[in-house]
Amino acid sequence: MHQKLLLLACSAIICQHAFCWGFYAHKEINHHAVFLLPPAMMVFYKPNIDFITEHAVDPDKRRYMVTAEGPRHYIDLNRYGSYPFDNLPRAWYNAVEKYGEDSLMAHGIVPWWINIMLQRLTKAFSEKNHSAILKLSAEIGHYIADAHVPLHAHSNYNGQQTGQQGIHGFWESRIPELLAKTAFDYFIGKAQYLSNPRQFMWQRVLESSAAADTVLYVEKALTEQFSPDLKYAFEERNGIIIRQYSSVFTIAYDQGLQGMVERRMRQSIFAVASFWYTAWVNAGQPQLQPLANISLSETDKSTFETLDRIWKTSDPKGRTCGN
């Protein structure tokens, strides 16, 4: 009995820090995106791949410090009518004029925020600002990946409206952690220049919205076929035995989704690399090799240490993927 309570407590601790796409998947997406870049960019990104991989999760950690951070990760498109939500202006200032900034923030701003991050990254390339390029590359990768998650485009983001609490982390954490290394294909191709990145990103968000109902429906239908003792199991995660969705149920769910998680993960990798490439091209394709081995400043290091400390010791502000 005491052992079960301990295991459940460990599960709760881990779930508290299991955010959008899960830390594992976000890191994998940024990592694999590096290999889609042209050689002129690879000379900078490859030597710094560990930084870009590890700091892919910084925006989620920032949820513990900044209340305004949460809305940058999602958009509840179903709050704006029906697909394809033509009533919602794609340009930020037009959307603010129609709905008001407070209302937009309440329902999420991820596609608009990605556009802001793209502008910042382009400026960093233009200025050859090594640390800014690294930080912004890692973080825009996070937001782009989040925009590819179906439940990031729906107000029923964790199944809380349909009695399916936990489905968010199930889709974006449990499946990749179980299957990504052994079953997913990362042969994707090359990054492409995006002539209209805003339109590209809105199309990906609309795809996420269109898939949200399937994410919910397939899980509910599959639950009817599994008894609770088969749906859940005590299995290892991050070196700890916890109660979570069983491997059998997870594999069955992935099959029921017909590879949706792998497909959206692959699309995330391509999109991240293409946004990096687009920012670099728009900045005039500056030479990056001289920047490759420059160290971060002590101020940057201190900022990252503070972010990590607060993430480990504080509660998140606003919505998370698990509440």
Protein backbone atom coordinates (compact mmCIF):
# COMPACT_ATOMS: atom_id res chain seq x y z
CA MET A 1 0.00 0.00 0.00
CA HIS A 2 2.76 2.43 0.95
CA GLN A 3 4.65 1.49 -2.20
CA LYS A 4 1.64 2.33 -4.37
CA LEU A 5 1.22 5.69 -2.67
CA LEU A 6 4.89 6.43 -3.29
CA LEU A 7 4.59 5.52 -6.94
CA LEU A 8 1.51 7.70 -7.35
CA ALA A 9 3.34 10.57 -5.72
CA CYS A 10 6.24 10.16 -8.11
CA SER A 11 3.76 10.16 -10.99
CA ALA A 12 2.26 13.43 -9.81
CA ILE A 13 5.67 15.04 -9.53
CA ILE A 14 6.65 14.01 -13.05
CA CYS A 15 3.33 15.04 -14.57
CA GLN A 16 3.67 18.50 -13.06
CA HIS A 17 6.62 19.11 -15.35
CA ALA A 18 5.26 17.29 -18.44
CA PHE A 19 4.37 20.15 -20.71
CA CYS A 20 3.42 20.73 -24.30
CA TRP A 21 4.82 18.03 -26.63
CA GLY A 22 6.68 16.90 -23.52
CA PHE A 23 10.29 17.88 -22.86
CA TYR A 24 11.54 14.81 -24.71
CA ALA A 25 9.65 15.55 -27.93
CA HIS A 26 10.51 19.26 -27.96
CA LYS A 27 14.18 18.41 -27.68
CA GLU A 28 13.93 15.79 -30.41
CA ILE A 29 12.20 18.23 -32.76
CA ASN A 30 14.85 20.93 -32.37
CA HIS A 31 17.65 18.37 -32.59
CA HIS A 32 16.46 16.81 -35.83
CA ALA A 33 15.64 20.20 -37.38
CA VAL A 34 19.37 21.06 -37.39
CA PHE A 35 20.06 18.32 -39.94
CA LEU A 36 17.63 19.81 -42.46
CA LEU A 37 19.69 23.01 -42.80
CA PRO A 38 22.05 23.92 -45.66
CA PRO A 39 25.83 23.67 -45.05
CA ALA A 40 26.16 27.46 -44.67
CA MET A 41 23.90 27.27 -41.60
CA MET A 42 25.01 23.85 -40.40
CA VAL A 43 28.47 25.23 -39.60
CA PHE A 44 26.83 27.28 -36.85
CA TYR A 45 23.92 25.09 -35.75
CA LYS A 46 25.76 21.74 -35.59
CA PRO A 47 28.45 22.88 -33.09
CA ASN A 48 25.64 24.38 -30.99
CA ILE A 49 23.18 21.51 -31.36
CA ASP A 50 23.33 20.62 -27.67
CA PHE A 51 22.28 24.13 -26.68
CA ILE A 52 19.46 24.26 -29.24
CA THR A 53 18.27 20.85 -28.08
CA GLU A 54 18.42 21.48 -24.33
CA HIS A 55 16.91 24.96 -24.49
CA ALA A 56 13.97 23.84 -26.61
CA VAL A 57 12.03 23.62 -23.35
CA ASP A 58 12.82 27.09 -21.98
CA PRO A 59 9.42 28.56 -22.97
CA ASP A 60 7.66 25.90 -20.88
CA LYS A 61 9.93 26.64 -17.92
CA ARG A 62 9.12 30.33 -18.32
CA ARG A 63 5.47 29.54 -17.52
CA TYR A 64 6.63 29.44 -13.90
CA MET A 65 7.86 33.04 -14.08
CA VAL A 66 5.70 34.94 -16.56
CA THR A 67 1.89 34.92 -16.57
CA ALA A 68 1.76 36.12 -20.17
CA GLU A 69 3.83 33.15 -21.35
CA GLY A 70 1.00 30.61 -21.40
CA PRO A 71 -1.08 32.10 -24.27
CA ARG A 72 1.97 32.03 -26.55
CA HIS A 73 1.69 28.23 -26.77
CA TYR A 74 -1.87 27.71 -28.02
CA ILE A 75 -4.98 29.15 -29.65
CA ASP A 76 -8.53 27.98 -28.93
CA LEU A 77 -9.74 28.29 -32.51
CA ASN A 78 -13.14 26.78 -31.78
CA ARG A 79 -13.91 29.94 -29.78
CA TYR A 80 -14.05 31.82 -33.09
CA GLY A 81 -16.83 29.94 -34.87
CA SER A 82 -16.34 27.00 -37.20
CA TYR A 83 -13.56 25.78 -39.48
CA PRO A 84 -11.77 27.49 -41.25
CA PHE A 85 -12.55 30.38 -38.87
CA ASP A 86 -12.67 33.04 -41.56
CA ASN A 87 -14.06 35.52 -39.03
CA LEU A 88 -10.70 35.58 -37.26
CA PRO A 89 -8.26 38.01 -38.92
CA ARG A 90 -4.85 36.49 -39.56
CA ALA A 91 -3.08 39.83 -39.04
CA TRP A 92 -2.54 40.69 -35.37
CA TYR A 93 -3.61 44.31 -35.46
CA ASN A 94 -6.79 43.46 -37.36
CA ALA A 95 -7.57 40.73 -34.82
CA VAL A 96 -6.99 43.17 -31.93
CA GLU A 97 -9.26 45.71 -33.57
CA LYS A 98 -12.04 43.15 -33.92
CA TYR A 99 -11.77 41.19 -30.65
CA GLY A 100 -9.56 43.19 -28.31
CA GLU A 101 -6.15 42.15 -27.02
CA ASP A 102 -7.48 40.81 -23.69
CA SER A 103 -9.87 38.45 -25.46
CA LEU A 104 -7.18 37.21 -27.83
CA MET A 105 -4.80 36.59 -24.93
CA ALA A 106 -7.51 34.67 -23.09
CA HIS A 107 -7.81 32.21 -25.99
CA GLY A 108 -4.16 32.02 -27.05
CA ILE A 109 -1.91 33.75 -29.56
CA VAL A 110 0.54 31.11 -30.83
CA PRO A 111 0.42 31.87 -34.61
CA TRP A 112 0.89 35.59 -34.03
CA TRP A 113 3.65 35.01 -31.48
CA ILE A 114 5.56 32.81 -33.93
CA ASN A 115 5.55 35.70 -36.40
CA ILE A 116 7.01 38.00 -33.72
CA MET A 117 9.70 35.42 -32.93
CA LEU A 118 10.54 35.15 -36.64
CA GLN A 119 11.08 38.91 -36.83
CA ARG A 120 13.32 38.78 -33.75
CA LEU A 121 15.36 35.89 -35.15
CA THR A 122 15.78 37.68 -38.48
CA LYS A 123 17.06 40.75 -36.63
CA ALA A 124 19.49 38.61 -34.63
CA PHE A 125 20.90 37.14 -37.86
CA SER A 126 21.23 40.63 -39.35
CA GLU A 127 23.17 41.80 -36.31
CA LYS A 128 25.20 38.57 -36.13
CA ASN A 129 24.22 38.34 -32.48
CA HIS A 130 25.43 34.87 -31.55
CA SER A 131 23.61 34.40 -28.25
CA ALA A 132 20.35 35.86 -29.58
CA ILE A 133 20.41 33.56 -32.61
CA LEU A 134 20.85 30.55 -30.35
CA LYS A 135 18.18 31.51 -27.83
CA LEU A 136 15.62 32.59 -30.42
CA SER A 137 16.24 29.53 -32.60
CA ALA A 138 15.66 27.23 -29.64
CA GLU A 139 12.53 29.07 -28.52
CA ILE A 140 10.82 29.62 -31.88
CA GLY A 141 11.24 25.88 -32.38
CA HIS A 142 9.20 25.32 -29.24
CA TYR A 143 6.29 27.53 -30.29
CA ILE A 144 6.22 26.12 -33.82
CA ALA A 145 6.10 22.58 -32.45
CA ASP A 146 3.27 23.51 -30.07
CA ALA A 147 1.24 24.88 -32.97
CA HIS A 148 1.32 21.41 -34.54
CA VAL A 149 -0.43 19.80 -31.54
CA PRO A 150 -4.19 19.36 -32.18
CA LEU A 151 -5.25 20.07 -28.59
CA HIS A 152 -3.29 23.34 -28.71
CA ALA A 153 -5.95 24.55 -31.12
CA HIS A 154 -9.03 23.61 -29.08
CA SER A 155 -10.55 24.79 -25.81
CA ASN A 156 -10.98 21.16 -24.68
CA TYR A 157 -7.20 21.04 -24.48
CA ASN A 158 -6.92 18.30 -21.86
CA GLY A 159 -10.21 16.50 -22.34
CA GLN A 160 -11.58 18.34 -19.29
CA GLN A 161 -14.89 18.96 -21.06
CA THR A 162 -15.41 15.31 -22.04
CA GLY A 163 -14.09 13.36 -19.05
CA GLN A 164 -10.78 12.60 -20.79
CA GLN A 165 -8.39 14.39 -18.44
CA GLY A 166 -4.80 13.50 -19.20
CA ILE A 167 -5.24 13.03 -22.94
CA HIS A 168 -3.03 16.04 -23.70
CA GLY A 169 0.09 14.54 -22.18
CA PHE A 170 -0.92 11.13 -23.50
CA TRP A 171 -0.87 12.34 -27.11
CA GLU A 172 2.20 14.54 -27.02
CA SER A 173 4.38 12.95 -24.32
CA ARG A 174 3.56 9.30 -23.79
CA ILE A 175 3.40 8.31 -27.47
CA PRO A 176 6.67 10.01 -28.52
CA GLU A 177 8.53 8.77 -25.46
CA LEU A 178 7.43 5.20 -26.17
CA LEU A 179 7.70 5.11 -29.96
CA ALA A 180 9.78 7.98 -31.38
CA LYS A 181 13.20 6.34 -31.10
CA THR A 182 12.18 2.93 -32.39
CA ALA A 183 9.22 3.48 -34.73
CA PHE A 184 9.30 7.05 -36.10
CA ASP A 185 11.00 7.98 -39.37
CA TYR A 186 13.03 11.19 -39.40
CA PHE A 187 14.09 11.12 -43.05
CA ILE A 188 12.35 14.35 -43.97
CA GLY A 189 14.36 16.23 -46.59
CA LYS A 190 15.63 19.79 -46.57
CA ALA A 191 14.44 23.05 -45.06
CA GLN A 192 12.64 25.30 -47.52
CA TYR A 193 12.35 29.05 -47.82
CA LEU A 194 8.87 30.21 -46.80
CA SER A 195 7.70 33.08 -48.98
CA ASN A 196 4.67 33.58 -46.73
CA PRO A 197 5.51 32.23 -43.26
CA ARG A 198 2.36 33.68 -41.69
CA GLN A 199 0.14 31.80 -44.14
CA PHE A 200 2.22 28.66 -43.67
CA MET A 201 1.81 28.77 -39.90
CA TRP A 202 -1.91 29.48 -40.02
CA GLN A 203 -2.37 26.47 -42.29
CA ARG A 204 -0.57 24.27 -39.76
CA VAL A 205 -2.73 25.64 -36.92
CA LEU A 206 -5.87 24.95 -38.94
CA GLU A 207 -4.68 21.39 -39.50
CA SER A 208 -4.24 21.03 -35.76
CA SER A 209 -7.76 22.29 -35.16
CA ALA A 210 -9.22 19.89 -37.71
CA ALA A 211 -7.48 16.95 -36.01
CA ALA A 212 -8.56 17.78 -32.45
CA ASP A 213 -11.89 15.93 -32.64
CA THR A 214 -10.13 12.80 -33.89
CA VAL A 215 -7.66 12.92 -31.00
CA LEU A 216 -10.57 12.94 -28.55
CA TYR A 217 -12.87 10.50 -30.39
CA VAL A 218 -10.29 7.75 -30.92
CA GLU A 219 -9.24 7.79 -27.26
CA LYS A 220 -12.84 7.58 -26.05
CA ALA A 221 -13.69 4.74 -28.44
CA LEU A 222 -10.57 2.82 -27.47
CA THR A 223 -11.28 3.28 -23.74
CA GLU A 224 -14.54 1.37 -24.21
CA GLN A 225 -12.52 -1.62 -25.40
CA PHE A 226 -10.02 -1.64 -22.51
CA SER A 227 -10.63 -2.34 -18.85
CA PRO A 228 -8.92 0.15 -16.48
CA ASP A 229 -6.30 -2.41 -15.46
CA LEU A 230 -5.29 -2.76 -19.12
CA LYS A 231 -5.55 0.93 -20.00
CA TYR A 232 -3.16 1.89 -17.20
CA ALA A 233 -0.07 0.18 -15.87
CA PHE A 234 2.90 0.77 -13.61
CA GLU A 235 5.74 1.23 -16.08
CA GLU A 236 9.06 3.05 -16.21
CA ARG A 237 9.32 6.69 -17.21
CA ASN A 238 12.57 8.64 -16.88
CA GLY A 239 13.99 5.93 -14.68
CA ILE A 240 11.03 5.86 -12.27
CA ILE A 241 8.20 3.34 -12.13
CA ILE A 242 4.91 5.26 -12.31
CA ARG A 243 1.26 4.65 -13.11
CA GLN A 244 0.60 5.79 -16.68
CA TYR A 245 -1.14 4.74 -19.88
CA SER A 246 -0.01 1.19 -20.59
CA SER A 247 2.24 0.39 -23.54
CA VAL A 248 -0.49 -1.78 -25.04
CA PHE A 249 -3.08 1.00 -24.85
CA THR A 250 -0.59 3.59 -26.13
CA ILE A 251 0.34 1.52 -29.18
CA ALA A 252 -3.32 0.82 -29.91
CA TYR A 253 -4.11 4.54 -29.66
CA ASP A 254 -1.25 5.44 -31.98
CA GLN A 255 -2.49 2.91 -34.50
CA GLY A 256 -6.04 4.25 -34.18
CA LEU A 257 -4.71 7.72 -35.00
CA GLN A 258 -3.04 6.26 -38.10
CA GLY A 259 0.37 7.75 -37.36
CA MET A 260 -0.88 11.26 -36.55
CA VAL A 261 1.68 11.88 -33.80
CA GLU A 262 4.62 10.86 -35.98
CA ARG A 263 3.24 12.90 -38.88
CA ARG A 264 2.82 16.06 -36.81
CA MET A 265 6.24 15.57 -35.24
CA ARG A 266 7.84 15.27 -38.68
CA GLN A 267 5.95 18.35 -39.87
CA SER A 268 7.16 20.22 -36.78
CA ILE A 269 10.77 19.36 -37.56
CA PHE A 270 10.42 20.56 -41.14
CA ALA A 271 8.66 23.76 -40.07
CA VAL A 272 11.25 24.61 -37.42
CA ALA A 273 14.15 24.18 -39.85
CA SER A 274 12.31 26.15 -42.53
CA PHE A 275 11.62 29.07 -40.19
CA TRP A 276 15.30 29.16 -39.18
CA TYR A 277 16.27 29.09 -42.85
CA THR A 278 13.75 31.76 -43.80
CA ALA A 279 14.99 34.11 -41.07
CA TRP A 280 18.59 33.63 -42.24
CA VAL A 281 17.72 34.27 -45.90
CA ASN A 282 15.66 37.34 -45.04
CA ALA A 283 18.62 38.67 -43.05
CA GLY A 284 20.82 38.50 -46.15
CA GLN A 285 22.40 35.08 -45.51
CA PRO A 286 25.16 36.33 -43.19
CA GLN A 287 28.30 34.25 -42.71
CA LEU A 288 27.77 32.12 -39.60
CA GLN A 289 30.98 30.11 -39.32
CA PRO A 290 32.90 32.86 -37.42
CA LEU A 291 30.17 32.74 -34.74
CA ALA A 292 30.20 29.00 -34.23
CA ASN A 293 32.51 28.77 -31.21
CA ILE A 294 31.63 31.94 -29.31
CA SER A 295 30.71 31.27 -25.65
CA LEU A 296 27.64 32.61 -23.90
CA SER A 297 28.10 35.57 -21.58
CA GLU A 298 27.96 35.24 -17.81
CA THR A 299 24.69 37.21 -17.89
CA ASP A 300 23.16 34.64 -20.27
CA LYS A 301 24.34 31.77 -18.09
CA SER A 302 22.90 33.42 -14.98
CA THR A 303 19.55 33.94 -16.73
CA PHE A 304 19.32 30.27 -17.66
CA GLU A 305 20.26 29.19 -14.13
CA THR A 306 17.53 31.41 -12.66
CA LEU A 307 14.97 30.07 -15.12
CA ASP A 308 15.83 26.49 -14.22
CA ARG A 309 15.74 27.16 -10.47
CA ILE A 310 12.32 28.82 -10.57
CA TRP A 311 10.94 26.06 -12.78
CA LYS A 312 12.02 23.43 -10.26
CA THR A 313 10.69 25.23 -7.17
CA SER A 314 7.55 27.17 -8.25
CA ASP A 315 4.05 26.51 -9.53
CA PRO A 316 3.14 27.32 -13.15
CA LYS A 317 1.24 30.52 -13.89
CA GLY A 318 -1.91 30.21 -15.99
CA ARG A 319 -2.90 27.27 -18.15
CA THR A 320 -0.63 24.30 -18.62
CA CYS A 321 -1.16 21.28 -20.82
CA GLY A 322 -2.17 19.24 -17.82
CA ASN A 323 -4.86 21.33 -16.20
